[in-house]
């Protein structure tokens, strides 16, 4: 499997006004979307319906 994160040129904006770039990763179950959280220091999953 390809374990690298690929950029999608899309963003996600949360209700607190913070905006993050969205990354995609191909997993066994299919394509998953993530954003990088600087406070947690890791990639966090994000719902496809939240991506703009």
N, C-alpha and C. Protein backbone atom coordinates (compact mmCIF):
# COMPACT_ATOMS: atom_id res chain seq x y z
N UNK A 1 0.84 -1.20 0.00
CA UNK A 1 0.00 0.00 0.00
C UNK A 1 0.88 1.25 0.00
N UNK A 2 0.34 2.30 -0.56
CA UNK A 2 1.02 3.59 -0.58
C UNK A 2 0.67 4.34 0.69
N UNK A 3 1.65 4.54 1.56
CA UNK A 3 1.39 5.14 2.87
C UNK A 3 1.67 6.64 2.91
N UNK A 4 1.90 7.27 1.76
CA UNK A 4 2.21 8.69 1.76
C UNK A 4 0.94 9.52 1.63
N UNK A 5 1.01 10.72 2.19
CA UNK A 5 -0.10 11.66 2.09
C UNK A 5 0.06 12.49 0.82
N UNK A 6 -1.00 12.61 0.05
CA UNK A 6 -0.99 13.37 -1.19
C UNK A 6 -1.84 14.62 -1.01
N UNK A 7 -1.35 15.75 -1.51
CA UNK A 7 -2.13 16.99 -1.41
C UNK A 7 -3.30 16.94 -2.37
N UNK A 8 -4.40 17.58 -1.99
CA UNK A 8 -5.61 17.58 -2.82
C UNK A 8 -5.96 18.96 -3.34
N UNK A 9 -5.23 20.01 -2.93
CA UNK A 9 -5.52 21.39 -3.32
C UNK A 9 -6.91 21.84 -2.87
N UNK A 10 -7.41 21.25 -1.79
CA UNK A 10 -8.68 21.63 -1.20
C UNK A 10 -8.45 22.02 0.26
N UNK A 11 -9.42 22.69 0.86
CA UNK A 11 -9.29 23.10 2.26
C UNK A 11 -10.52 22.68 3.04
N UNK A 12 -10.36 22.65 4.34
CA UNK A 12 -11.48 22.41 5.26
C UNK A 12 -11.49 23.56 6.26
N UNK A 13 -12.67 24.13 6.50
CA UNK A 13 -12.82 25.23 7.46
C UNK A 13 -13.78 24.77 8.56
N UNK A 14 -13.36 24.92 9.79
CA UNK A 14 -14.17 24.50 10.93
C UNK A 14 -14.98 25.67 11.47
N UNK A 15 -15.91 25.39 12.37
CA UNK A 15 -16.82 26.41 12.91
C UNK A 15 -16.08 27.50 13.70
N UNK A 16 -14.87 27.22 14.19
CA UNK A 16 -14.10 28.23 14.91
C UNK A 16 -13.31 29.14 13.97
N UNK A 17 -13.43 28.92 12.65
CA UNK A 17 -12.80 29.77 11.66
C UNK A 17 -11.44 29.30 11.19
N UNK A 18 -10.91 28.24 11.75
CA UNK A 18 -9.61 27.74 11.34
C UNK A 18 -9.72 26.97 10.02
N UNK A 19 -8.75 27.19 9.14
CA UNK A 19 -8.72 26.56 7.83
C UNK A 19 -7.45 25.72 7.70
N UNK A 20 -7.60 24.52 7.16
CA UNK A 20 -6.48 23.61 6.98
C UNK A 20 -6.49 23.04 5.57
N UNK A 21 -5.30 22.70 5.06
CA UNK A 21 -5.19 22.00 3.78
C UNK A 21 -5.59 20.55 3.98
N UNK A 22 -6.14 19.96 2.94
CA UNK A 22 -6.61 18.58 3.01
C UNK A 22 -5.65 17.67 2.25
N UNK A 23 -5.37 16.51 2.84
CA UNK A 23 -4.50 15.51 2.25
C UNK A 23 -5.30 14.23 2.08
N UNK A 24 -4.90 13.41 1.10
CA UNK A 24 -5.58 12.14 0.85
C UNK A 24 -4.58 11.00 1.00
N UNK A 25 -5.10 9.86 1.41
CA UNK A 25 -4.28 8.66 1.58
C UNK A 25 -5.10 7.47 1.12
N UNK A 26 -4.50 6.62 0.33
CA UNK A 26 -5.18 5.40 -0.11
C UNK A 26 -4.94 4.33 0.95
N UNK A 27 -6.02 3.80 1.48
CA UNK A 27 -5.94 2.74 2.50
C UNK A 27 -6.57 1.47 1.95
N UNK A 28 -6.53 0.45 2.74
CA UNK A 28 -7.14 -0.81 2.35
C UNK A 28 -8.63 -0.66 2.09
N UNK A 29 -9.27 0.18 2.88
CA UNK A 29 -10.72 0.39 2.77
C UNK A 29 -11.09 1.42 1.71
N UNK A 30 -10.11 2.12 1.14
CA UNK A 30 -10.40 3.12 0.11
C UNK A 30 -9.70 4.43 0.40
N UNK A 31 -10.14 5.47 -0.28
CA UNK A 31 -9.53 6.79 -0.15
C UNK A 31 -10.02 7.47 1.13
N UNK A 32 -9.10 7.98 1.93
CA UNK A 32 -9.42 8.68 3.18
C UNK A 32 -8.84 10.08 3.13
N UNK A 33 -9.49 11.03 3.81
CA UNK A 33 -9.06 12.42 3.82
C UNK A 33 -8.61 12.82 5.21
N UNK A 34 -7.55 13.65 5.28
CA UNK A 34 -6.96 14.08 6.54
C UNK A 34 -6.55 15.54 6.45
N UNK A 35 -6.39 16.18 7.61
CA UNK A 35 -5.75 17.48 7.70
C UNK A 35 -4.68 17.38 8.77
N UNK A 36 -3.66 18.24 8.67
CA UNK A 36 -2.57 18.18 9.65
C UNK A 36 -2.86 19.15 10.79
N UNK A 37 -2.91 18.63 11.99
CA UNK A 37 -3.14 19.43 13.18
C UNK A 37 -1.80 19.74 13.85
N UNK A 38 -1.43 21.01 13.84
CA UNK A 38 -0.16 21.41 14.45
C UNK A 38 -0.15 21.22 15.95
N UNK A 39 -1.29 21.42 16.59
CA UNK A 39 -1.34 21.27 18.05
C UNK A 39 -1.20 19.81 18.48
N UNK A 40 -1.71 18.88 17.66
CA UNK A 40 -1.57 17.46 17.97
C UNK A 40 -0.32 16.87 17.34
N UNK A 41 0.20 17.53 16.31
CA UNK A 41 1.39 17.05 15.65
C UNK A 41 1.16 15.82 14.80
N UNK A 42 -0.06 15.65 14.30
CA UNK A 42 -0.35 14.49 13.47
C UNK A 42 -1.49 14.79 12.51
N UNK A 43 -1.72 13.87 11.59
CA UNK A 43 -2.82 14.00 10.65
C UNK A 43 -4.11 13.52 11.32
N UNK A 44 -5.16 14.32 11.18
CA UNK A 44 -6.46 14.00 11.78
C UNK A 44 -7.45 13.71 10.65
N UNK A 45 -8.33 12.73 10.81
CA UNK A 45 -9.30 12.43 9.76
C UNK A 45 -10.34 13.54 9.64
N UNK A 46 -10.84 13.73 8.43
CA UNK A 46 -11.86 14.74 8.19
C UNK A 46 -12.91 14.13 7.27
N UNK A 47 -14.16 14.53 7.46
CA UNK A 47 -15.26 14.03 6.66
C UNK A 47 -15.24 14.66 5.28
N UNK A 48 -15.61 13.89 4.28
CA UNK A 48 -15.63 14.39 2.91
C UNK A 48 -16.64 15.52 2.75
N UNK A 49 -17.72 15.52 3.53
CA UNK A 49 -18.74 16.57 3.40
C UNK A 49 -18.27 17.91 3.94
N UNK A 50 -17.21 17.95 4.75
CA UNK A 50 -16.66 19.20 5.29
C UNK A 50 -15.65 19.86 4.36
N UNK A 51 -15.20 19.12 3.35
CA UNK A 51 -14.16 19.63 2.45
C UNK A 51 -14.77 20.56 1.43
N UNK A 52 -14.11 21.71 1.21
CA UNK A 52 -14.58 22.70 0.25
C UNK A 52 -13.70 22.69 -0.97
